[in-house]
Amino acid sequence: MENRFEIKGEEILDGEVKAFGNSAHVTVPKRWRGADVKVVRISEPAEEGDNE
């Protein structure tokens, strides 16, 4: 079942989560530095090892 969220904001960015050490990250524009952000997962994660 899909959940629906309503978020008010300034910009939206489509991206892909990439491996980063023992974690993962999403790259955003440098001009967003210091801003508050929210991250919403919109698909199931790939099986571990698929993106390495």
N, C-alpha and C. Protein backbone atom coordinates (compact mmCIF):
# COMPACT_ATOMS: atom_id res chain seq x y z
N MET A 1 0.84 -1.18 0.00
CA MET A 1 0.00 0.00 0.00
C MET A 1 0.89 1.25 0.00
N GLU A 2 0.57 2.16 -0.84
CA GLU A 2 1.33 3.41 -0.97
C GLU A 2 0.82 4.45 0.02
N ASN A 3 1.75 5.13 0.68
CA ASN A 3 1.39 6.23 1.56
C ASN A 3 1.47 7.53 0.80
N ARG A 4 0.70 8.49 1.22
CA ARG A 4 0.71 9.80 0.58
C ARG A 4 1.12 10.83 1.63
N PHE A 5 2.06 11.70 1.25
CA PHE A 5 2.54 12.75 2.14
C PHE A 5 2.38 14.09 1.46
N GLU A 6 2.08 15.10 2.23
CA GLU A 6 2.04 16.46 1.71
C GLU A 6 3.13 17.25 2.44
N ILE A 7 4.07 17.78 1.66
CA ILE A 7 5.20 18.52 2.22
C ILE A 7 5.27 19.87 1.51
N LYS A 8 5.32 20.94 2.27
CA LYS A 8 5.49 22.27 1.69
C LYS A 8 6.98 22.58 1.65
N GLY A 9 7.47 23.08 0.53
CA GLY A 9 8.89 23.35 0.41
C GLY A 9 9.21 24.34 -0.68
N GLU A 10 10.48 24.49 -0.95
CA GLU A 10 10.99 25.45 -1.92
C GLU A 10 11.36 24.81 -3.25
N GLU A 11 11.97 23.64 -3.22
CA GLU A 11 12.42 22.94 -4.42
C GLU A 11 12.27 21.44 -4.21
N ILE A 12 12.23 20.71 -5.32
CA ILE A 12 12.23 19.25 -5.24
C ILE A 12 13.35 18.74 -6.14
N LEU A 13 13.97 17.66 -5.73
CA LEU A 13 15.10 17.09 -6.45
C LEU A 13 14.91 15.59 -6.55
N ASP A 14 15.02 15.04 -7.75
CA ASP A 14 15.00 13.59 -7.93
C ASP A 14 16.44 13.11 -7.90
N GLY A 15 16.71 12.06 -7.17
CA GLY A 15 18.07 11.56 -7.09
C GLY A 15 18.09 10.08 -6.77
N GLU A 16 19.29 9.55 -6.67
CA GLU A 16 19.49 8.15 -6.35
C GLU A 16 20.40 8.05 -5.13
N VAL A 17 20.06 7.19 -4.20
CA VAL A 17 20.89 6.97 -3.02
C VAL A 17 22.07 6.11 -3.45
N LYS A 18 23.28 6.55 -3.09
CA LYS A 18 24.50 5.84 -3.48
C LYS A 18 25.28 5.42 -2.24
N ALA A 19 26.02 4.32 -2.38
CA ALA A 19 26.84 3.82 -1.28
C ALA A 19 27.86 4.87 -0.87
N PHE A 20 28.11 4.95 0.45
CA PHE A 20 29.07 5.90 0.99
C PHE A 20 29.64 5.30 2.27
N GLY A 21 30.77 4.60 2.16
CA GLY A 21 31.35 3.91 3.32
C GLY A 21 30.40 2.84 3.82
N ASN A 22 30.08 2.87 5.12
CA ASN A 22 29.13 1.91 5.72
C ASN A 22 27.71 2.44 5.68
N SER A 23 27.47 3.46 4.89
CA SER A 23 26.19 4.15 4.87
C SER A 23 25.81 4.42 3.42
N ALA A 24 24.95 5.39 3.20
CA ALA A 24 24.56 5.82 1.86
C ALA A 24 24.24 7.30 1.91
N HIS A 25 24.24 7.97 0.75
CA HIS A 25 23.93 9.39 0.74
C HIS A 25 23.22 9.78 -0.55
N VAL A 26 22.61 10.94 -0.52
CA VAL A 26 22.00 11.56 -1.69
C VAL A 26 22.70 12.90 -1.87
N THR A 27 23.19 13.17 -3.06
CA THR A 27 23.87 14.43 -3.32
C THR A 27 22.85 15.51 -3.66
N VAL A 28 22.98 16.66 -3.02
CA VAL A 28 22.11 17.80 -3.31
C VAL A 28 23.00 18.98 -3.71
N PRO A 29 22.41 20.00 -4.33
CA PRO A 29 23.21 21.15 -4.75
C PRO A 29 23.91 21.83 -3.57
N LYS A 30 25.11 22.32 -3.81
CA LYS A 30 25.90 22.99 -2.77
C LYS A 30 25.15 24.16 -2.16
N ARG A 31 24.33 24.83 -2.94
CA ARG A 31 23.58 25.98 -2.42
C ARG A 31 22.56 25.59 -1.35
N TRP A 32 22.27 24.29 -1.21
CA TRP A 32 21.37 23.82 -0.17
C TRP A 32 22.07 23.67 1.17
N ARG A 33 23.38 23.84 1.22
CA ARG A 33 24.14 23.65 2.46
C ARG A 33 23.54 24.51 3.57
N GLY A 34 23.29 23.90 4.71
CA GLY A 34 22.72 24.60 5.86
C GLY A 34 21.20 24.64 5.88
N ALA A 35 20.55 24.18 4.80
CA ALA A 35 19.09 24.18 4.74
C ALA A 35 18.53 22.94 5.43
N ASP A 36 17.29 23.02 5.89
CA ASP A 36 16.58 21.85 6.40
C ASP A 36 15.98 21.11 5.22
N VAL A 37 16.11 19.79 5.19
CA VAL A 37 15.58 18.99 4.09
C VAL A 37 14.83 17.78 4.64
N LYS A 38 14.02 17.17 3.80
CA LYS A 38 13.34 15.91 4.12
C LYS A 38 13.63 14.96 2.96
N VAL A 39 13.84 13.69 3.27
CA VAL A 39 14.09 12.68 2.25
C VAL A 39 12.96 11.67 2.32
N VAL A 40 12.33 11.39 1.17
CA VAL A 40 11.22 10.44 1.11
C VAL A 40 11.62 9.31 0.15
N ARG A 41 11.63 8.07 0.63
CA ARG A 41 11.94 6.92 -0.23
C ARG A 41 10.69 6.60 -1.03
N ILE A 42 10.84 6.49 -2.36
CA ILE A 42 9.67 6.25 -3.22
C ILE A 42 9.70 4.89 -3.89
N SER A 43 10.73 4.07 -3.62
CA SER A 43 10.78 2.71 -4.15
C SER A 43 11.47 1.82 -3.13
N GLU A 44 11.34 0.52 -3.33
CA GLU A 44 12.01 -0.43 -2.45
C GLU A 44 13.51 -0.38 -2.72
N PRO A 45 14.33 -0.53 -1.68
CA PRO A 45 15.78 -0.55 -1.89
C PRO A 45 16.19 -1.78 -2.71
N ALA A 46 17.28 -1.62 -3.46
CA ALA A 46 17.85 -2.75 -4.19
C ALA A 46 18.42 -3.74 -3.18
N GLU A 47 18.55 -4.99 -3.57
CA GLU A 47 19.17 -5.99 -2.71
C GLU A 47 20.60 -5.57 -2.41
N GLU A 48 21.09 -5.86 -1.21
CA GLU A 48 22.44 -5.48 -0.82
C GLU A 48 23.44 -6.06 -1.80
N GLY A 49 24.36 -5.22 -2.26
CA GLY A 49 25.38 -5.68 -3.21
C GLY A 49 25.01 -5.35 -4.66
N ASP A 50 23.75 -5.03 -4.95
CA ASP A 50 23.34 -4.73 -6.33
C ASP A 50 23.96 -3.44 -6.84
N ASN A 51 24.17 -2.44 -5.97
CA ASN A 51 24.67 -1.14 -6.40
C ASN A 51 26.14 -0.93 -6.10
N GLU A 52 26.87 -1.98 -5.78
CA GLU A 52 28.28 -1.81 -5.44
C GLU A 52 29.16 -2.18 -6.60
